[in-house]
Amino acid sequence: EPSIANSFEDTLTLPQVMQFRLALEPAAAQLAAVHRTDIIIDKLRRA
């Protein structure tokens, strides 16, 4: 289906991407500390 999100792709800038990541990924890291599993820890260590 046509997606309105696709229309924004060409206008994204690096600062916008990093700003979004700063809003998103700290929360993901916090949740990962709660829900961590051996599999995830192994992937992180190898990375």
All heavy atoms as atom14 arrays in JSON, in Angstrom:
{
  "sequence": "EPSIANSFEDTLTLPQVMQFRLALEPAAAQLAAVHRTDIIIDKLRRA",
  "atom14_mask": [
    [1, 1, 1, 1, 1, 1, 1, 1, 1, 0, 0, 0, 0, 0],
    [1, 1, 1, 1, 1, 1, 1, 0, 0, 0, 0, 0, 0, 0],
    [1, 1, 1, 1, 1, 1, 0, 0, 0, 0, 0, 0, 0, 0],
    [1, 1, 1, 1, 1, 1, 1, 1, 0, 0, 0, 0, 0, 0],
    [1, 1, 1, 1, 1, 0, 0, 0, 0, 0, 0, 0, 0, 0],
    [1, 1, 1, 1, 1, 1, 1, 1, 0, 0, 0, 0, 0, 0],
    [1, 1, 1, 1, 1, 1, 0, 0, 0, 0, 0, 0, 0, 0],
    [1, 1, 1, 1, 1, 1, 1, 1, 1, 1, 1, 0, 0, 0],
    [1, 1, 1, 1, 1, 1, 1, 1, 1, 0, 0, 0, 0, 0],
    [1, 1, 1, 1, 1, 1, 1, 1, 0, 0, 0, 0, 0, 0],
    [1, 1, 1, 1, 1, 1, 1, 0, 0, 0, 0, 0, 0, 0],
    [1, 1, 1, 1, 1, 1, 1, 1, 0, 0, 0, 0, 0, 0],
    [1, 1, 1, 1, 1, 1, 1, 0, 0, 0, 0, 0, 0, 0],
    [1, 1, 1, 1, 1, 1, 1, 1, 0, 0, 0, 0, 0, 0],
    [1, 1, 1, 1, 1, 1, 1, 0, 0, 0, 0, 0, 0, 0],
    [1, 1, 1, 1, 1, 1, 1, 1, 1, 0, 0, 0, 0, 0],
    [1, 1, 1, 1, 1, 1, 1, 0, 0, 0, 0, 0, 0, 0],
    [1, 1, 1, 1, 1, 1, 1, 1, 0, 0, 0, 0, 0, 0],
    [1, 1, 1, 1, 1, 1, 1, 1, 1, 0, 0, 0, 0, 0],
    [1, 1, 1, 1, 1, 1, 1, 1, 1, 1, 1, 0, 0, 0],
    [1, 1, 1, 1, 1, 1, 1, 1, 1, 1, 1, 0, 0, 0],
    [1, 1, 1, 1, 1, 1, 1, 1, 0, 0, 0, 0, 0, 0],
    [1, 1, 1, 1, 1, 0, 0, 0, 0, 0, 0, 0, 0, 0],
    [1, 1, 1, 1, 1, 1, 1, 1, 0, 0, 0, 0, 0, 0],
    [1, 1, 1, 1, 1, 1, 1, 1, 1, 0, 0, 0, 0, 0],
    [1, 1, 1, 1, 1, 1, 1, 0, 0, 0, 0, 0, 0, 0],
    [1, 1, 1, 1, 1, 0, 0, 0, 0, 0, 0, 0, 0, 0],
    [1, 1, 1, 1, 1, 0, 0, 0, 0, 0, 0, 0, 0, 0],
    [1, 1, 1, 1, 1, 0, 0, 0, 0, 0, 0, 0, 0, 0],
    [1, 1, 1, 1, 1, 1, 1, 1, 1, 0, 0, 0, 0, 0],
    [1, 1, 1, 1, 1, 1, 1, 1, 0, 0, 0, 0, 0, 0],
    [1, 1, 1, 1, 1, 0, 0, 0, 0, 0, 0, 0, 0, 0],
    [1, 1, 1, 1, 1, 0, 0, 0, 0, 0, 0, 0, 0, 0],
    [1, 1, 1, 1, 1, 1, 1, 0, 0, 0, 0, 0, 0, 0],
    [1, 1, 1, 1, 1, 1, 1, 1, 1, 1, 0, 0, 0, 0],
    [1, 1, 1, 1, 1, 1, 1, 1, 1, 1, 1, 0, 0, 0],
    [1, 1, 1, 1, 1, 1, 1, 0, 0, 0, 0, 0, 0, 0],
    [1, 1, 1, 1, 1, 1, 1, 1, 0, 0, 0, 0, 0, 0],
    [1, 1, 1, 1, 1, 1, 1, 1, 0, 0, 0, 0, 0, 0],
    [1, 1, 1, 1, 1, 1, 1, 1, 0, 0, 0, 0, 0, 0],
    [1, 1, 1, 1, 1, 1, 1, 1, 0, 0, 0, 0, 0, 0],
    [1, 1, 1, 1, 1, 1, 1, 1, 0, 0, 0, 0, 0, 0],
    [1, 1, 1, 1, 1, 1, 1, 1, 1, 0, 0, 0, 0, 0],
    [1, 1, 1, 1, 1, 1, 1, 1, 0, 0, 0, 0, 0, 0],
    [1, 1, 1, 1, 1, 1, 1, 1, 1, 1, 1, 0, 0, 0],
    [1, 1, 1, 1, 1, 1, 1, 1, 1, 1, 1, 0, 0, 0],
    [1, 1, 1, 1, 1, 0, 0, 0, 0, 0, 0, 0, 0, 0]
  ],
  "atom14_positions": [
    [[0.85, -1.18, 0.0], [0.0, 0.0, 0.0], [0.89, 1.24, 0.0], [1.98, 1.22, 0.56], [-0.89, 0.02, 1.26], [-1.88, -1.14, 1.32], [-2.95, -1.03, 0.26], [-3.27, 0.12, -0.14], [-3.45, -2.06, -0.19], [0.0, 0.0, 0.0], [0.0, 0.0, 0.0], [0.0, 0.0, 0.0], [0.0, 0.0, 0.0], [0.0, 0.0, 0.0]],
    [[0.44, 2.33, -0.63], [1.25, 3.55, -0.58], [1.5, 3.96, 0.85], [0.6, 3.93, 1.69], [0.36, 4.58, -1.32], [-0.55, 3.76, -2.18], [-0.79, 2.49, -1.4], [0.0, 0.0, 0.0], [0.0, 0.0, 0.0], [0.0, 0.0, 0.0], [0.0, 0.0, 0.0], [0.0, 0.0, 0.0], [0.0, 0.0, 0.0], [0.0, 0.0, 0.0]],
    [[2.73, 4.33, 1.16], [3.1, 4.7, 2.53], [3.55, 6.15, 2.59], [4.41, 6.57, 1.84], [4.23, 3.79, 3.03], [4.71, 4.23, 4.27], [0.0, 0.0, 0.0], [0.0, 0.0, 0.0], [0.0, 0.0, 0.0], [0.0, 0.0, 0.0], [0.0, 0.0, 0.0], [0.0, 0.0, 0.0], [0.0, 0.0, 0.0], [0.0, 0.0, 0.0]],
    [[2.94, 6.91, 3.5], [3.32, 8.31, 3.65], [4.75, 8.42, 4.16], [5.44, 9.4, 3.88], [2.34, 9.03, 4.6], [2.59, 10.55, 4.55], [2.49, 8.52, 6.03], [1.56, 11.35, 5.3], [0.0, 0.0, 0.0], [0.0, 0.0, 0.0], [0.0, 0.0, 0.0], [0.0, 0.0, 0.0], [0.0, 0.0, 0.0], [0.0, 0.0, 0.0]],
    [[5.21, 7.38, 4.89], [6.56, 7.43, 5.42], [7.6, 7.47, 4.31], [8.65, 8.08, 4.45], [6.81, 6.22, 6.33], [0.0, 0.0, 0.0], [0.0, 0.0, 0.0], [0.0, 0.0, 0.0], [0.0, 0.0, 0.0], [0.0, 0.0, 0.0], [0.0, 0.0, 0.0], [0.0, 0.0, 0.0], [0.0, 0.0, 0.0], [0.0, 0.0, 0.0]],
    [[7.31, 6.82, 3.19], [8.28, 6.78, 2.1], [8.57, 8.18, 1.55], [9.65, 8.44, 1.04], [7.77, 5.88, 0.96], [7.76, 4.43, 1.35], [8.47, 4.03, 2.26], [6.95, 3.64, 0.68], [0.0, 0.0, 0.0], [0.0, 0.0, 0.0], [0.0, 0.0, 0.0], [0.0, 0.0, 0.0], [0.0, 0.0, 0.0], [0.0, 0.0, 0.0]],
    [[7.58, 9.09, 1.64], [7.76, 10.42, 1.07], [8.77, 11.24, 1.84], [9.26, 12.24, 1.35], [6.41, 11.15, 1.04], [5.93, 11.36, 2.36], [0.0, 0.0, 0.0], [0.0, 0.0, 0.0], [0.0, 0.0, 0.0], [0.0, 0.0, 0.0], [0.0, 0.0, 0.0], [0.0, 0.0, 0.0], [0.0, 0.0, 0.0], [0.0, 0.0, 0.0]],
    [[9.07, 10.84, 3.1], [10.01, 11.59, 3.9], [11.46, 11.14, 3.73], [12.38, 11.84, 4.13], [9.66, 11.47, 5.39], [8.36, 12.14, 5.76], [7.25, 11.39, 6.1], [8.26, 13.52, 5.76], [6.06, 12.0, 6.44], [7.06, 14.14, 6.1], [5.97, 13.38, 6.43], [0.0, 0.0, 0.0], [0.0, 0.0, 0.0], [0.0, 0.0, 0.0]],
    [[11.67, 9.99, 3.09], [13.01, 9.4, 3.08], [14.05, 10.33, 2.47], [15.14, 10.5, 3.0], [12.99, 8.08, 2.31], [14.37, 7.42, 2.25], [14.36, 6.14, 1.46], [13.28, 5.67, 1.09], [15.46, 5.63, 1.22], [0.0, 0.0, 0.0], [0.0, 0.0, 0.0], [0.0, 0.0, 0.0], [0.0, 0.0, 0.0], [0.0, 0.0, 0.0]],
    [[13.71, 10.95, 1.33], [14.7, 11.75, 0.64], [15.0, 13.07, 1.34], [15.94, 13.78, 0.96], [14.24, 12.03, -0.8], [14.23, 10.76, -1.64], [14.98, 9.83, -1.3], [13.46, 10.7, -2.62], [0.0, 0.0, 0.0], [0.0, 0.0, 0.0], [0.0, 0.0, 0.0], [0.0, 0.0, 0.0], [0.0, 0.0, 0.0], [0.0, 0.0, 0.0]],
    [[14.18, 13.44, 2.32], [14.4, 14.71, 3.02], [15.09, 14.53, 4.36], [15.4, 15.51, 5.03], [13.05, 15.43, 3.24], [12.21, 14.65, 4.09], [12.35, 15.68, 1.92], [0.0, 0.0, 0.0], [0.0, 0.0, 0.0], [0.0, 0.0, 0.0], [0.0, 0.0, 0.0], [0.0, 0.0, 0.0], [0.0, 0.0, 0.0], [0.0, 0.0, 0.0]],
    [[15.33, 13.29, 4.77], [15.99, 13.05, 6.05], [17.44, 13.54, 6.02], [18.12, 13.42, 5.01], [15.98, 11.55, 6.39], [14.69, 10.97, 6.94], [14.83, 9.47, 7.11], [14.33, 11.61, 8.27], [0.0, 0.0, 0.0], [0.0, 0.0, 0.0], [0.0, 0.0, 0.0], [0.0, 0.0, 0.0], [0.0, 0.0, 0.0], [0.0, 0.0, 0.0]],
    [[17.9, 14.07, 7.14], [19.28, 14.5, 7.27], [19.95, 13.68, 8.37], [19.28, 13.08, 9.22], [19.37, 15.99, 7.63], [18.79, 16.19, 8.93], [18.63, 16.84, 6.6], [0.0, 0.0, 0.0], [0.0, 0.0, 0.0], [0.0, 0.0, 0.0], [0.0, 0.0, 0.0], [0.0, 0.0, 0.0], [0.0, 0.0, 0.0], [0.0, 0.0, 0.0]],
    [[21.28, 13.68, 8.37], [22.01, 12.95, 9.41], [21.68, 13.46, 10.81], [21.49, 12.64, 11.73], [23.52, 13.01, 9.15], [24.02, 12.28, 7.89], [25.53, 12.42, 7.79], [23.62, 10.82, 7.9], [0.0, 0.0, 0.0], [0.0, 0.0, 0.0], [0.0, 0.0, 0.0], [0.0, 0.0, 0.0], [0.0, 0.0, 0.0], [0.0, 0.0, 0.0]],
    [[21.6, 14.76, 11.03], [21.22, 15.22, 12.38], [19.85, 14.7, 12.8], [19.64, 14.36, 13.97], [21.22, 16.75, 12.24], [22.22, 17.02, 11.17], [22.03, 15.9, 10.19], [0.0, 0.0, 0.0], [0.0, 0.0, 0.0], [0.0, 0.0, 0.0], [0.0, 0.0, 0.0], [0.0, 0.0, 0.0], [0.0, 0.0, 0.0], [0.0, 0.0, 0.0]],
    [[18.9, 14.63, 11.86], [17.57, 14.11, 12.2], [17.63, 12.64, 12.57], [16.95, 12.2, 13.51], [16.62, 14.31, 11.02], [16.21, 15.75, 10.79], [15.44, 15.95, 9.5], [15.61, 15.2, 8.53], [14.57, 16.94, 9.5], [0.0, 0.0, 0.0], [0.0, 0.0, 0.0], [0.0, 0.0, 0.0], [0.0, 0.0, 0.0], [0.0, 0.0, 0.0]],
    [[18.43, 11.88, 11.83], [18.58, 10.45, 12.13], [19.19, 10.26, 13.52], [18.71, 9.46, 14.33], [19.43, 9.74, 11.06], [19.77, 8.32, 11.5], [18.7, 9.73, 9.73], [0.0, 0.0, 0.0], [0.0, 0.0, 0.0], [0.0, 0.0, 0.0], [0.0, 0.0, 0.0], [0.0, 0.0, 0.0], [0.0, 0.0, 0.0], [0.0, 0.0, 0.0]],
    [[20.24, 11.0, 13.81], [20.9, 10.87, 15.11], [19.99, 11.35, 16.23], [19.99, 10.78, 17.33], [22.21, 11.65, 15.1], [23.29, 11.05, 14.21], [23.69, 9.33, 14.61], [24.38, 9.5, 16.25], [0.0, 0.0, 0.0], [0.0, 0.0, 0.0], [0.0, 0.0, 0.0], [0.0, 0.0, 0.0], [0.0, 0.0, 0.0], [0.0, 0.0, 0.0]],
    [[19.23, 12.39, 15.99], [18.29, 12.88, 16.99], [17.24, 11.82, 17.32], [16.91, 11.6, 18.49], [17.61, 14.15, 16.47], [16.76, 14.89, 17.5], [16.18, 16.15, 16.93], [15.34, 16.11, 16.03], [16.63, 17.29, 17.43], [0.0, 0.0, 0.0], [0.0, 0.0, 0.0], [0.0, 0.0, 0.0], [0.0, 0.0, 0.0], [0.0, 0.0, 0.0]],
    [[16.76, 11.15, 16.28], [15.78, 10.09, 16.49], [16.38, 8.93, 17.27], [15.77, 8.36, 18.17], [15.24, 9.6, 15.14], [14.21, 8.52, 15.26], [12.92, 8.8, 15.68], [14.53, 7.2, 14.95], [11.96, 7.81, 15.79], [13.59, 6.2, 15.07], [12.29, 6.5, 15.47], [0.0, 0.0, 0.0], [0.0, 0.0, 0.0], [0.0, 0.0, 0.0]],
    [[17.62, 8.58, 16.91], [18.29, 7.48, 17.61], [18.49, 7.81, 19.1], [18.36, 6.94, 19.95], [19.64, 7.18, 16.96], [19.54, 6.56, 15.58], [20.92, 6.18, 15.07], [21.51, 5.11, 15.86], [22.77, 4.73, 15.76], [23.59, 5.36, 14.93], [23.23, 3.74, 16.51], [0.0, 0.0, 0.0], [0.0, 0.0, 0.0], [0.0, 0.0, 0.0]],
    [[18.8, 9.07, 19.37], [19.02, 9.47, 20.76], [17.74, 9.37, 21.57], [17.76, 9.08, 22.77], [19.57, 10.9, 20.82], [19.93, 11.44, 22.21], [21.0, 10.57, 22.87], [20.41, 12.88, 22.12], [0.0, 0.0, 0.0], [0.0, 0.0, 0.0], [0.0, 0.0, 0.0], [0.0, 0.0, 0.0], [0.0, 0.0, 0.0], [0.0, 0.0, 0.0]],
    [[16.6, 9.57, 20.91], [15.32, 9.43, 21.6], [14.91, 7.97, 21.74], [14.19, 7.61, 22.68], [14.24, 10.2, 20.83], [0.0, 0.0, 0.0], [0.0, 0.0, 0.0], [0.0, 0.0, 0.0], [0.0, 0.0, 0.0], [0.0, 0.0, 0.0], [0.0, 0.0, 0.0], [0.0, 0.0, 0.0], [0.0, 0.0, 0.0], [0.0, 0.0, 0.0]],
    [[15.39, 7.14, 20.84], [14.95, 5.74, 20.77], [15.84, 4.76, 21.53], [15.38, 3.98, 22.37], [14.87, 5.33, 19.29], [14.49, 3.88, 18.99], [12.98, 3.72, 19.06], [14.98, 3.47, 17.6], [0.0, 0.0, 0.0], [0.0, 0.0, 0.0], [0.0, 0.0, 0.0], [0.0, 0.0, 0.0], [0.0, 0.0, 0.0], [0.0, 0.0, 0.0]],
    [[17.13, 4.78, 21.23], [18.01, 3.69, 21.64], [18.35, 3.66, 23.13], [18.57, 2.56, 23.67], [19.27, 3.69, 20.79], [18.97, 3.37, 19.32], [20.22, 3.02, 18.54], [20.91, 2.05, 18.91], [20.51, 3.73, 17.56], [0.0, 0.0, 0.0], [0.0, 0.0, 0.0], [0.0, 0.0, 0.0], [0.0, 0.0, 0.0], [0.0, 0.0, 0.0]],
    [[18.44, 4.78, 23.84], [18.65, 4.66, 25.28], [17.54, 3.89, 25.97], [17.8, 3.1, 26.88], [18.7, 6.12, 25.74], [19.23, 6.85, 24.55], [18.59, 6.18, 23.38], [0.0, 0.0, 0.0], [0.0, 0.0, 0.0], [0.0, 0.0, 0.0], [0.0, 0.0, 0.0], [0.0, 0.0, 0.0], [0.0, 0.0, 0.0], [0.0, 0.0, 0.0]],
    [[16.3, 4.09, 25.53], [15.17, 3.33, 26.1], [15.3, 1.85, 25.78], [15.01, 0.99, 26.62], [13.85, 3.88, 25.57], [0.0, 0.0, 0.0], [0.0, 0.0, 0.0], [0.0, 0.0, 0.0], [0.0, 0.0, 0.0], [0.0, 0.0, 0.0], [0.0, 0.0, 0.0], [0.0, 0.0, 0.0], [0.0, 0.0, 0.0], [0.0, 0.0, 0.0]],
    [[15.76, 1.54, 24.56], [15.96, 0.13, 24.18], [17.03, -0.5, 25.04], [16.9, -1.65, 25.49], [16.33, 0.03, 22.7], [0.0, 0.0, 0.0], [0.0, 0.0, 0.0], [0.0, 0.0, 0.0], [0.0, 0.0, 0.0], [0.0, 0.0, 0.0], [0.0, 0.0, 0.0], [0.0, 0.0, 0.0], [0.0, 0.0, 0.0], [0.0, 0.0, 0.0]],
    [[18.12, 0.24, 25.3], [19.2, -0.29, 26.15], [18.71, -0.52, 27.57], [19.06, -1.53, 28.21], [20.38, 0.69, 26.15], [0.0, 0.0, 0.0], [0.0, 0.0, 0.0], [0.0, 0.0, 0.0], [0.0, 0.0, 0.0], [0.0, 0.0, 0.0], [0.0, 0.0, 0.0], [0.0, 0.0, 0.0], [0.0, 0.0, 0.0], [0.0, 0.0, 0.0]],
    [[17.89, 0.39, 28.07], [17.34, 0.23, 29.41], [16.48, -1.02, 29.5], [16.58, -1.8, 30.46], [16.52, 1.46, 29.78], [15.92, 1.41, 31.18], [15.2, 2.71, 31.54], [15.18, 3.66, 30.77], [14.61, 2.73, 32.73], [0.0, 0.0, 0.0], [0.0, 0.0, 0.0], [0.0, 0.0, 0.0], [0.0, 0.0, 0.0], [0.0, 0.0, 0.0]],
    [[15.65, -1.24, 28.49], [14.79, -2.43, 28.48], [15.62, -3.7, 28.28], [15.29, -4.76, 28.84], [13.75, -2.31, 27.37], [12.62, -1.32, 27.64], [11.78, -1.11, 26.39], [11.74, -1.82, 28.79], [0.0, 0.0, 0.0], [0.0, 0.0, 0.0], [0.0, 0.0, 0.0], [0.0, 0.0, 0.0], [0.0, 0.0, 0.0], [0.0, 0.0, 0.0]],
    [[16.67, -3.61, 27.5], [17.53, -4.79, 27.29], [18.19, -5.23, 28.58], [18.43, -6.42, 28.8], [18.59, -4.48, 26.23], [0.0, 0.0, 0.0], [0.0, 0.0, 0.0], [0.0, 0.0, 0.0], [0.0, 0.0, 0.0], [0.0, 0.0, 0.0], [0.0, 0.0, 0.0], [0.0, 0.0, 0.0], [0.0, 0.0, 0.0], [0.0, 0.0, 0.0]],
    [[18.47, -4.26, 29.46], [19.05, -4.61, 30.76], [18.05, -5.38, 31.61], [18.44, -6.17, 32.48], [19.48, -3.34, 31.5], [0.0, 0.0, 0.0], [0.0, 0.0, 0.0], [0.0, 0.0, 0.0], [0.0, 0.0, 0.0], [0.0, 0.0, 0.0], [0.0, 0.0, 0.0], [0.0, 0.0, 0.0], [0.0, 0.0, 0.0], [0.0, 0.0, 0.0]],
    [[16.77, -5.18, 31.35], [15.72, -5.89, 32.09], [15.46, -7.26, 31.47], [15.33, -8.27, 32.17], [14.41, -5.07, 32.09], [13.29, -5.85, 32.79], [14.61, -3.72, 32.75], [0.0, 0.0, 0.0], [0.0, 0.0, 0.0], [0.0, 0.0, 0.0], [0.0, 0.0, 0.0], [0.0, 0.0, 0.0], [0.0, 0.0, 0.0], [0.0, 0.0, 0.0]],
    [[15.37, -7.3, 30.15], [14.94, -8.52, 29.45], [16.1, -9.3, 28.85], [15.87, -10.2, 28.03], [13.96, -8.14, 28.33], [12.74, -7.42, 28.81], [11.78, -8.01, 29.61], [12.32, -6.14, 28.61], [10.83, -7.14, 29.87], [11.13, -5.99, 29.29], [0.0, 0.0, 0.0], [0.0, 0.0, 0.0], [0.0, 0.0, 0.0], [0.0, 0.0, 0.0]],
    [[17.32, -9.0, 29.25], [18.49, -9.65, 28.66], [18.4, -11.17, 28.73], [17.87, -11.73, 29.68], [19.76, -9.17, 29.37], [19.84, -9.6, 30.83], [20.92, -8.85, 31.57], [21.05, -9.31, 32.96], [20.22, -9.0, 33.94], [19.16, -8.24, 33.69], [20.42, -9.46, 35.17], [0.0, 0.0, 0.0], [0.0, 0.0, 0.0], [0.0, 0.0, 0.0]],
    [[18.91, -11.81, 27.71], [18.97, -13.27, 27.66], [20.4, -13.67, 27.3], [21.2, -12.84, 26.85], [18.01, -13.85, 26.6], [18.44, -13.41, 25.3], [16.58, -13.39, 26.85], [0.0, 0.0, 0.0], [0.0, 0.0, 0.0], [0.0, 0.0, 0.0], [0.0, 0.0, 0.0], [0.0, 0.0, 0.0], [0.0, 0.0, 0.0], [0.0, 0.0, 0.0]],
    [[20.71, -14.92, 27.5], [22.05, -15.41, 27.15], [22.34, -15.22, 25.66], [23.47, -14.91, 25.28], [22.19, -16.89, 27.52], [22.21, -17.12, 29.03], [22.48, -16.14, 29.75], [21.97, -18.25, 29.46], [0.0, 0.0, 0.0], [0.0, 0.0, 0.0], [0.0, 0.0, 0.0], [0.0, 0.0, 0.0], [0.0, 0.0, 0.0], [0.0, 0.0, 0.0]],
    [[21.31, -15.4, 24.83], [21.49, -15.26, 23.39], [21.85, -13.82, 23.03], [22.78, -13.57, 22.25], [20.22, -15.7, 22.63], [20.0, -17.21, 22.8], [20.31, -15.33, 21.16], [18.73, -17.72, 22.17], [0.0, 0.0, 0.0], [0.0, 0.0, 0.0], [0.0, 0.0, 0.0], [0.0, 0.0, 0.0], [0.0, 0.0, 0.0], [0.0, 0.0, 0.0]],
    [[21.11, -12.88, 23.62], [21.37, -11.47, 23.34], [22.75, -11.06, 23.86], [23.51, -10.35, 23.17], [20.28, -10.57, 23.95], [18.94, -10.81, 23.24], [20.67, -9.1, 23.87], [18.96, -10.49, 21.76], [0.0, 0.0, 0.0], [0.0, 0.0, 0.0], [0.0, 0.0, 0.0], [0.0, 0.0, 0.0], [0.0, 0.0, 0.0], [0.0, 0.0, 0.0]],
    [[23.07, -11.49, 25.06], [24.38, -11.16, 25.62], [25.5, -11.7, 24.73], [26.51, -11.02, 24.49], [24.52, -11.73, 27.05], [23.56, -10.99, 28.01], [25.96, -11.6, 27.54], [23.83, -9.51, 28.15], [0.0, 0.0, 0.0], [0.0, 0.0, 0.0], [0.0, 0.0, 0.0], [0.0, 0.0, 0.0], [0.0, 0.0, 0.0], [0.0, 0.0, 0.0]],
    [[25.32, -12.91, 24.22], [26.34, -13.5, 23.34], [26.49, -12.68, 22.06], [27.61, -12.45, 21.6], [25.96, -14.94, 23.01], [26.99, -15.62, 22.12], [28.14, -15.75, 22.55], [26.64, -16.01, 20.99], [0.0, 0.0, 0.0], [0.0, 0.0, 0.0], [0.0, 0.0, 0.0], [0.0, 0.0, 0.0], [0.0, 0.0, 0.0], [0.0, 0.0, 0.0]],
    [[25.36, -12.25, 21.49], [25.42, -11.43, 20.28], [26.13, -10.11, 20.54], [26.93, -9.64, 19.73], [24.0, -11.16, 19.75], [23.33, -12.36, 19.11], [21.96, -11.99, 18.57], [21.3, -13.18, 17.88], [19.96, -12.82, 17.34], [0.0, 0.0, 0.0], [0.0, 0.0, 0.0], [0.0, 0.0, 0.0], [0.0, 0.0, 0.0], [0.0, 0.0, 0.0]],
    [[25.84, -9.5, 21.69], [26.47, -8.23, 22.03], [27.98, -8.4, 22.24], [28.78, -7.57, 21.78], [25.83, -7.64, 23.29], [24.38, -7.15, 23.14], [23.81, -6.76, 24.49], [24.31, -5.98, 22.17], [0.0, 0.0, 0.0], [0.0, 0.0, 0.0], [0.0, 0.0, 0.0], [0.0, 0.0, 0.0], [0.0, 0.0, 0.0], [0.0, 0.0, 0.0]],
    [[28.35, -9.47, 22.92], [29.78, -9.72, 23.15], [30.53, -9.92, 21.84], [31.63, -9.39, 21.66], [29.94, -10.94, 24.05], [29.73, -10.65, 25.54], [29.81, -11.91, 26.35], [29.89, -11.63, 27.78], [29.54, -12.49, 28.72], [29.09, -13.69, 28.39], [29.65, -12.16, 29.99], [0.0, 0.0, 0.0], [0.0, 0.0, 0.0], [0.0, 0.0, 0.0]],
    [[29.94, -10.69, 20.94], [30.6, -10.94, 19.66], [30.7, -9.67, 18.83], [31.69, -9.43, 18.14], [29.87, -12.05, 18.9], [30.14, -13.45, 19.47], [29.59, -14.56, 18.62], [28.15, -14.73, 18.78], [27.25, -14.51, 17.84], [27.64, -14.1, 16.64], [25.97, -14.69, 18.07], [0.0, 0.0, 0.0], [0.0, 0.0, 0.0], [0.0, 0.0, 0.0]],
    [[29.65, -8.84, 18.9], [29.68, -7.57, 18.16], [30.76, -6.64, 18.7], [31.49, -6.0, 17.94], [28.31, -6.9, 18.22], [0.0, 0.0, 0.0], [0.0, 0.0, 0.0], [0.0, 0.0, 0.0], [0.0, 0.0, 0.0], [0.0, 0.0, 0.0], [0.0, 0.0, 0.0], [0.0, 0.0, 0.0], [0.0, 0.0, 0.0], [0.0, 0.0, 0.0]]
  ]
}
